[in-house]
Amino acid sequence: EMTGPKSALLHFVDEYVWIEHSQVSG
C-alpha cells in the first residue's frame, strides 16, 4: 500500500519468515 510519495506499508498475513528481522532487512 503506497501511503505517500516516499512511503509505503507492506501488509503480511501468514508470513513465516521472520518479519521483524528478515523482512525489515530485505
PDB file of all heavy atoms in Angstrom:
ATOM      1  N   GLU A   1       0.861  -1.187   0.000  1.00  0.00           N
ATOM      2  CA  GLU A   1       0.000   0.000   0.000  1.00  0.00           C
ATOM      3  C   GLU A   1       0.896   1.235   0.000  1.00  0.00           C
ATOM      4  O   GLU A   1       1.640   1.466   0.943  1.00  0.00           O
ATOM      5  CB  GLU A   1      -0.879  -0.011   1.261  1.00  0.00           C
ATOM      6  CG  GLU A   1      -1.715   1.214   1.440  1.00  0.00           C
ATOM      7  CD  GLU A   1      -2.437   1.226   2.788  1.00  0.00           C
ATOM      8  OE1 GLU A   1      -2.395   0.231   3.540  1.00  0.00           O
ATOM      9  OE2 GLU A   1      -3.039   2.275   3.080  1.00  0.00           O
ATOM     10  N   MET A   2       0.854   1.994  -1.079  1.00  0.00           N
ATOM     11  CA  MET A   2       1.618   3.239  -1.133  1.00  0.00           C
ATOM     12  C   MET A   2       0.863   4.266  -0.297  1.00  0.00           C
ATOM     13  O   MET A   2      -0.313   4.524  -0.534  1.00  0.00           O
ATOM     14  CB  MET A   2       1.774   3.713  -2.580  1.00  0.00           C
ATOM     15  CG  MET A   2       2.508   2.717  -3.487  1.00  0.00           C
ATOM     16  SD  MET A   2       4.088   2.114  -2.855  1.00  0.00           S
ATOM     17  CE  MET A   2       5.017   3.623  -2.703  1.00  0.00           C
ATOM     18  N   THR A   3       1.519   4.821   0.709  1.00  0.00           N
ATOM     19  CA  THR A   3       0.867   5.746   1.631  1.00  0.00           C
ATOM     20  C   THR A   3       1.257   7.197   1.408  1.00  0.00           C
ATOM     21  O   THR A   3       0.728   8.080   2.062  1.00  0.00           O
ATOM     22  CB  THR A   3       1.166   5.348   3.086  1.00  0.00           C
ATOM     23  OG1 THR A   3       2.578   5.308   3.274  1.00  0.00           O
ATOM     24  CG2 THR A   3       0.548   3.995   3.416  1.00  0.00           C
ATOM     25  N   GLY A   4       2.169   7.439   0.502  1.00  0.00           N
ATOM     26  CA  GLY A   4       2.606   8.788   0.195  1.00  0.00           C
ATOM     27  C   GLY A   4       3.655   8.731  -0.894  1.00  0.00           C
ATOM     28  O   GLY A   4       4.001   7.654  -1.376  1.00  0.00           O
ATOM     29  N   PRO A   5       4.195   9.891  -1.285  1.00  0.00           N
ATOM     30  CA  PRO A   5       5.175   9.889  -2.369  1.00  0.00           C
ATOM     31  C   PRO A   5       6.479   9.181  -1.991  1.00  0.00           C
ATOM     32  O   PRO A   5       7.197   8.719  -2.865  1.00  0.00           O
ATOM     33  CB  PRO A   5       5.416  11.368  -2.658  1.00  0.00           C
ATOM     34  CG  PRO A   5       4.880  12.099  -1.487  1.00  0.00           C
ATOM     35  CD  PRO A   5       3.862  11.224  -0.827  1.00  0.00           C
ATOM     36  N   LYS A   6       6.786   9.076  -0.701  1.00  0.00           N
ATOM     37  CA  LYS A   6       8.015   8.404  -0.271  1.00  0.00           C
ATOM     38  C   LYS A   6       7.741   7.508   0.928  1.00  0.00           C
ATOM     39  O   LYS A   6       8.529   7.440   1.869  1.00  0.00           O
ATOM     40  CB  LYS A   6       9.086   9.435   0.071  1.00  0.00           C
ATOM     41  CG  LYS A   6       9.561  10.234  -1.131  1.00  0.00           C
ATOM     42  CD  LYS A   6      10.658  11.180  -0.759  1.00  0.00           C
ATOM     43  CE  LYS A   6      11.109  11.930  -2.018  1.00  0.00           C
ATOM     44  NZ  LYS A   6      12.265  12.769  -1.734  1.00  0.00           N
ATOM     45  N   SER A   7       6.624   6.786   0.864  1.00  0.00           N
ATOM     46  CA  SER A   7       6.294   5.901   1.980  1.00  0.00           C
ATOM     47  C   SER A   7       5.347   4.799   1.523  1.00  0.00           C
ATOM     48  O   SER A   7       4.604   4.960   0.564  1.00  0.00           O
ATOM     49  CB  SER A   7       5.663   6.685   3.131  1.00  0.00           C
ATOM     50  OG  SER A   7       4.456   7.284   2.725  1.00  0.00           O
ATOM     51  N   ALA A   8       5.424   3.678   2.237  1.00  0.00           N
ATOM     52  CA  ALA A   8       4.577   2.534   1.902  1.00  0.00           C
ATOM     53  C   ALA A   8       4.375   1.664   3.135  1.00  0.00           C
ATOM     54  O   ALA A   8       5.166   1.706   4.077  1.00  0.00           O
ATOM     55  CB  ALA A   8       5.221   1.705   0.796  1.00  0.00           C
ATOM     56  N   LEU A   9       3.303   0.898   3.097  1.00  0.00           N
ATOM     57  CA  LEU A   9       3.052  -0.164   4.071  1.00  0.00           C
ATOM     58  C   LEU A   9       3.072  -1.474   3.300  1.00  0.00           C
ATOM     59  O   LEU A   9       2.469  -1.572   2.234  1.00  0.00           O
ATOM     60  CB  LEU A   9       1.690  -0.017   4.735  1.00  0.00           C
ATOM     61  CG  LEU A   9       1.476   1.118   5.719  1.00  0.00           C
ATOM     62  CD1 LEU A   9       0.016   1.149   6.171  1.00  0.00           C
ATOM     63  CD2 LEU A   9       2.395   0.953   6.914  1.00  0.00           C
ATOM     64  N   LEU A  10       3.750  -2.473   3.832  1.00  0.00           N
ATOM     65  CA  LEU A  10       3.689  -3.815   3.281  1.00  0.00           C
ATOM     66  C   LEU A  10       2.970  -4.665   4.312  1.00  0.00           C
ATOM     67  O   LEU A  10       3.467  -4.838   5.426  1.00  0.00           O
ATOM     68  CB  LEU A  10       5.090  -4.370   3.009  1.00  0.00           C
ATOM     69  CG  LEU A  10       5.706  -3.902   1.680  1.00  0.00           C
ATOM     70  CD1 LEU A  10       6.140  -2.464   1.774  1.00  0.00           C
ATOM     71  CD2 LEU A  10       6.834  -4.797   1.293  1.00  0.00           C
ATOM     72  N   HIS A  11       1.803  -5.151   3.955  1.00  0.00           N
ATOM     73  CA  HIS A  11       0.975  -5.933   4.864  1.00  0.00           C
ATOM     74  C   HIS A  11       1.303  -7.413   4.671  1.00  0.00           C
ATOM     75  O   HIS A  11       1.419  -7.880   3.533  1.00  0.00           O
ATOM     76  CB  HIS A  11      -0.501  -5.696   4.556  1.00  0.00           C
ATOM     77  CG  HIS A  11      -0.915  -4.269   4.702  1.00  0.00           C
ATOM     78  ND1 HIS A  11      -1.353  -3.745   5.897  1.00  0.00           N
ATOM     79  CD2 HIS A  11      -0.937  -3.247   3.812  1.00  0.00           C
ATOM     80  CE1 HIS A  11      -1.657  -2.467   5.728  1.00  0.00           C
ATOM     81  NE2 HIS A  11      -1.405  -2.141   4.470  1.00  0.00           N
ATOM     82  N   PHE A  12       1.425  -8.148   5.775  1.00  0.00           N
ATOM     83  CA  PHE A  12       1.739  -9.574   5.732  1.00  0.00           C
ATOM     84  C   PHE A  12       0.685 -10.364   6.490  1.00  0.00           C
ATOM     85  O   PHE A  12       0.319  -9.996   7.605  1.00  0.00           O
ATOM     86  CB  PHE A  12       3.084  -9.863   6.402  1.00  0.00           C
ATOM     87  CG  PHE A  12       4.266  -9.277   5.686  1.00  0.00           C
ATOM     88  CD1 PHE A  12       4.804  -8.071   6.095  1.00  0.00           C
ATOM     89  CD2 PHE A  12       4.843  -9.936   4.618  1.00  0.00           C
ATOM     90  CE1 PHE A  12       5.900  -7.528   5.452  1.00  0.00           C
ATOM     91  CE2 PHE A  12       5.943  -9.402   3.964  1.00  0.00           C
ATOM     92  CZ  PHE A  12       6.475  -8.194   4.376  1.00  0.00           C
ATOM     93  N   VAL A  13       0.228 -11.453   5.898  1.00  0.00           N
ATOM     94  CA  VAL A  13      -0.655 -12.414   6.551  1.00  0.00           C
ATOM     95  C   VAL A  13      -0.008 -13.787   6.372  1.00  0.00           C
ATOM     96  O   VAL A  13       0.345 -14.160   5.247  1.00  0.00           O
ATOM     97  CB  VAL A  13      -2.074 -12.397   5.939  1.00  0.00           C
ATOM     98  CG1 VAL A  13      -2.942 -13.477   6.555  1.00  0.00           C
ATOM     99  CG2 VAL A  13      -2.702 -11.021   6.109  1.00  0.00           C
ATOM    100  N   ASP A  14       0.160 -14.496   7.453  1.00  0.00           N
ATOM    101  CA  ASP A  14       0.782 -15.822   7.430  1.00  0.00           C
ATOM    102  C   ASP A  14       2.161 -15.790   6.771  1.00  0.00           C
ATOM    103  O   ASP A  14       2.480 -16.611   5.914  1.00  0.00           O
ATOM    104  CB  ASP A  14      -0.114 -16.847   6.733  1.00  0.00           C
ATOM    105  CG  ASP A  14      -1.408 -17.063   7.485  1.00  0.00           C
ATOM    106  OD1 ASP A  14      -1.422 -16.870   8.719  1.00  0.00           O
ATOM    107  OD2 ASP A  14      -2.411 -17.420   6.844  1.00  0.00           O
ATOM    108  N   GLU A  15       2.976 -14.850   7.200  1.00  0.00           N
ATOM    109  CA  GLU A  15       4.357 -14.722   6.726  1.00  0.00           C
ATOM    110  C   GLU A  15       5.244 -15.448   7.726  1.00  0.00           C
ATOM    111  O   GLU A  15       5.432 -14.987   8.842  1.00  0.00           O
ATOM    112  CB  GLU A  15       4.765 -13.254   6.616  1.00  0.00           C
ATOM    113  CG  GLU A  15       6.213 -13.037   6.286  1.00  0.00           C
ATOM    114  CD  GLU A  15       6.652 -13.741   5.021  1.00  0.00           C
ATOM    115  OE1 GLU A  15       6.093 -13.462   3.951  1.00  0.00           O
ATOM    116  OE2 GLU A  15       7.552 -14.586   5.103  1.00  0.00           O
ATOM    117  N   TYR A  16       5.784 -16.587   7.322  1.00  0.00           N
ATOM    118  CA  TYR A  16       6.514 -17.431   8.259  1.00  0.00           C
ATOM    119  C   TYR A  16       8.000 -17.120   8.342  1.00  0.00           C
ATOM    120  O   TYR A  16       8.700 -17.676   9.167  1.00  0.00           O
ATOM    121  CB  TYR A  16       6.268 -18.898   7.928  1.00  0.00           C
ATOM    122  CG  TYR A  16       4.794 -19.203   7.991  1.00  0.00           C
ATOM    123  CD1 TYR A  16       4.087 -19.604   6.880  1.00  0.00           C
ATOM    124  CD2 TYR A  16       4.099 -19.005   9.176  1.00  0.00           C
ATOM    125  CE1 TYR A  16       2.727 -19.838   6.946  1.00  0.00           C
ATOM    126  CE2 TYR A  16       2.731 -19.228   9.255  1.00  0.00           C
ATOM    127  CZ  TYR A  16       2.059 -19.650   8.138  1.00  0.00           C
ATOM    128  OH  TYR A  16       0.714 -19.863   8.204  1.00  0.00           O
ATOM    129  N   VAL A  17       8.491 -16.261   7.461  1.00  0.00           N
ATOM    130  CA  VAL A  17       9.873 -15.789   7.572  1.00  0.00           C
ATOM    131  C   VAL A  17       9.838 -14.569   8.479  1.00  0.00           C
ATOM    132  O   VAL A  17       8.979 -13.717   8.347  1.00  0.00           O
ATOM    133  CB  VAL A  17      10.447 -15.460   6.177  1.00  0.00           C
ATOM    134  CG1 VAL A  17      11.834 -14.882   6.294  1.00  0.00           C
ATOM    135  CG2 VAL A  17      10.467 -16.711   5.312  1.00  0.00           C
ATOM    136  N   TRP A  18      10.744 -14.488   9.385  1.00  0.00           N
ATOM    137  CA  TRP A  18      10.758 -13.501  10.459  1.00  0.00           C
ATOM    138  C   TRP A  18      10.563 -12.071   9.947  1.00  0.00           C
ATOM    139  O   TRP A  18      11.470 -11.456   9.389  1.00  0.00           O
ATOM    140  CB  TRP A  18      12.067 -13.615  11.225  1.00  0.00           C
ATOM    141  CG  TRP A  18      12.256 -14.989  11.793  1.00  0.00           C
ATOM    142  CD1 TRP A  18      11.832 -15.415  13.014  1.00  0.00           C
ATOM    143  CD2 TRP A  18      12.893 -16.103  11.183  1.00  0.00           C
ATOM    144  NE1 TRP A  18      12.167 -16.742  13.199  1.00  0.00           N
ATOM    145  CE2 TRP A  18      12.822 -17.192  12.077  1.00  0.00           C
ATOM    146  CE3 TRP A  18      13.513 -16.312   9.948  1.00  0.00           C
ATOM    147  CZ2 TRP A  18      13.351 -18.442  11.803  1.00  0.00           C
ATOM    148  CZ3 TRP A  18      14.037 -17.561   9.661  1.00  0.00           C
ATOM    149  CH2 TRP A  18      13.948 -18.602  10.594  1.00  0.00           C
ATOM    150  N   ILE A  19       9.376 -11.532  10.175  1.00  0.00           N
ATOM    151  CA  ILE A  19       9.025 -10.195   9.699  1.00  0.00           C
ATOM    152  C   ILE A  19       9.951  -9.150  10.315  1.00  0.00           C
ATOM    153  O   ILE A  19      10.494  -8.295   9.613  1.00  0.00           O
ATOM    154  CB  ILE A  19       7.545  -9.860  10.023  1.00  0.00           C
ATOM    155  CG1 ILE A  19       6.601 -10.806   9.266  1.00  0.00           C
ATOM    156  CG2 ILE A  19       7.234  -8.393   9.693  1.00  0.00           C
ATOM    157  CD1 ILE A  19       5.143 -10.708   9.691  1.00  0.00           C
ATOM    158  N   GLU A  20      10.136  -9.208  11.626  1.00  0.00           N
ATOM    159  CA  GLU A  20      10.870  -8.157  12.331  1.00  0.00           C
ATOM    160  C   GLU A  20      12.370  -8.190  12.079  1.00  0.00           C
ATOM    161  O   GLU A  20      13.061  -7.210  12.366  1.00  0.00           O
ATOM    162  CB  GLU A  20      10.588  -8.214  13.839  1.00  0.00           C
ATOM    163  CG  GLU A  20      11.178  -9.408  14.555  1.00  0.00           C
ATOM    164  CD  GLU A  20      10.352 -10.681  14.472  1.00  0.00           C
ATOM    165  OE1 GLU A  20       9.564 -10.871  13.515  1.00  0.00           O
ATOM    166  OE2 GLU A  20      10.504 -11.517  15.372  1.00  0.00           O
ATOM    167  N   HIS A  21      12.894  -9.276  11.554  1.00  0.00           N
ATOM    168  CA  HIS A  21      14.329  -9.343  11.266  1.00  0.00           C
ATOM    169  C   HIS A  21      14.570  -9.457   9.759  1.00  0.00           C
ATOM    170  O   HIS A  21      15.178  -8.579   9.162  1.00  0.00           O
ATOM    171  CB  HIS A  21      14.974 -10.536  11.983  1.00  0.00           C
ATOM    172  CG  HIS A  21      14.821 -10.484  13.457  1.00  0.00           C
ATOM    173  ND1 HIS A  21      15.404  -9.509  14.225  1.00  0.00           N
ATOM    174  CD2 HIS A  21      14.128 -11.269  14.306  1.00  0.00           C
ATOM    175  CE1 HIS A  21      15.089  -9.702  15.487  1.00  0.00           C
ATOM    176  NE2 HIS A  21      14.305 -10.761  15.565  1.00  0.00           N
ATOM    177  N   SER A  22      14.084 -10.526   9.173  1.00  0.00           N
ATOM    178  CA  SER A  22      14.369 -10.799   7.769  1.00  0.00           C
ATOM    179  C   SER A  22      13.671  -9.828   6.826  1.00  0.00           C
ATOM    180  O   SER A  22      14.308  -9.244   5.946  1.00  0.00           O
ATOM    181  CB  SER A  22      13.956 -12.230   7.423  1.00  0.00           C
ATOM    182  OG  SER A  22      14.641 -13.144   8.244  1.00  0.00           O
ATOM    183  N   GLN A  23      12.370  -9.667   6.987  1.00  0.00           N
ATOM    184  CA  GLN A  23      11.628  -8.824   6.046  1.00  0.00           C
ATOM    185  C   GLN A  23      12.015  -7.350   6.170  1.00  0.00           C
ATOM    186  O   GLN A  23      12.129  -6.658   5.158  1.00  0.00           O
ATOM    187  CB  GLN A  23      10.117  -9.018   6.219  1.00  0.00           C
ATOM    188  CG  GLN A  23       9.640 -10.417   5.905  1.00  0.00           C
ATOM    189  CD  GLN A  23       9.815 -10.801   4.435  1.00  0.00           C
ATOM    190  OE1 GLN A  23      10.262 -10.031   3.608  1.00  0.00           O
ATOM    191  NE2 GLN A  23       9.461 -12.018   4.131  1.00  0.00           N
ATOM    192  N   VAL A  24      12.222  -6.864   7.392  1.00  0.00           N
ATOM    193  CA  VAL A  24      12.670  -5.471   7.566  1.00  0.00           C
ATOM    194  C   VAL A  24      13.985  -5.253   6.818  1.00  0.00           C
ATOM    195  O   VAL A  24      14.151  -4.295   6.066  1.00  0.00           O
ATOM    196  CB  VAL A  24      12.828  -5.106   9.062  1.00  0.00           C
ATOM    197  CG1 VAL A  24      13.630  -3.817   9.238  1.00  0.00           C
ATOM    198  CG2 VAL A  24      11.472  -4.968   9.723  1.00  0.00           C
ATOM    199  N   SER A  25      14.924  -6.166   7.019  1.00  0.00           N
ATOM    200  CA  SER A  25      16.244  -6.008   6.398  1.00  0.00           C
ATOM    201  C   SER A  25      16.196  -6.214   4.894  1.00  0.00           C
ATOM    202  O   SER A  25      16.888  -5.513   4.147  1.00  0.00           O
ATOM    203  CB  SER A  25      17.232  -6.972   7.036  1.00  0.00           C
ATOM    204  OG  SER A  25      17.390  -6.641   8.401  1.00  0.00           O
ATOM    205  N   GLY A  26      15.384  -7.177   4.427  1.00  0.00           N
ATOM    206  CA  GLY A  26      15.261  -7.387   2.988  1.00  0.00           C
ATOM    207  C   GLY A  26      14.693  -6.167   2.285  1.00  0.00           C
ATOM    208  O   GLY A  26      15.180  -5.755   1.235  1.00  0.00           O
TER     209      GLY A  26
END
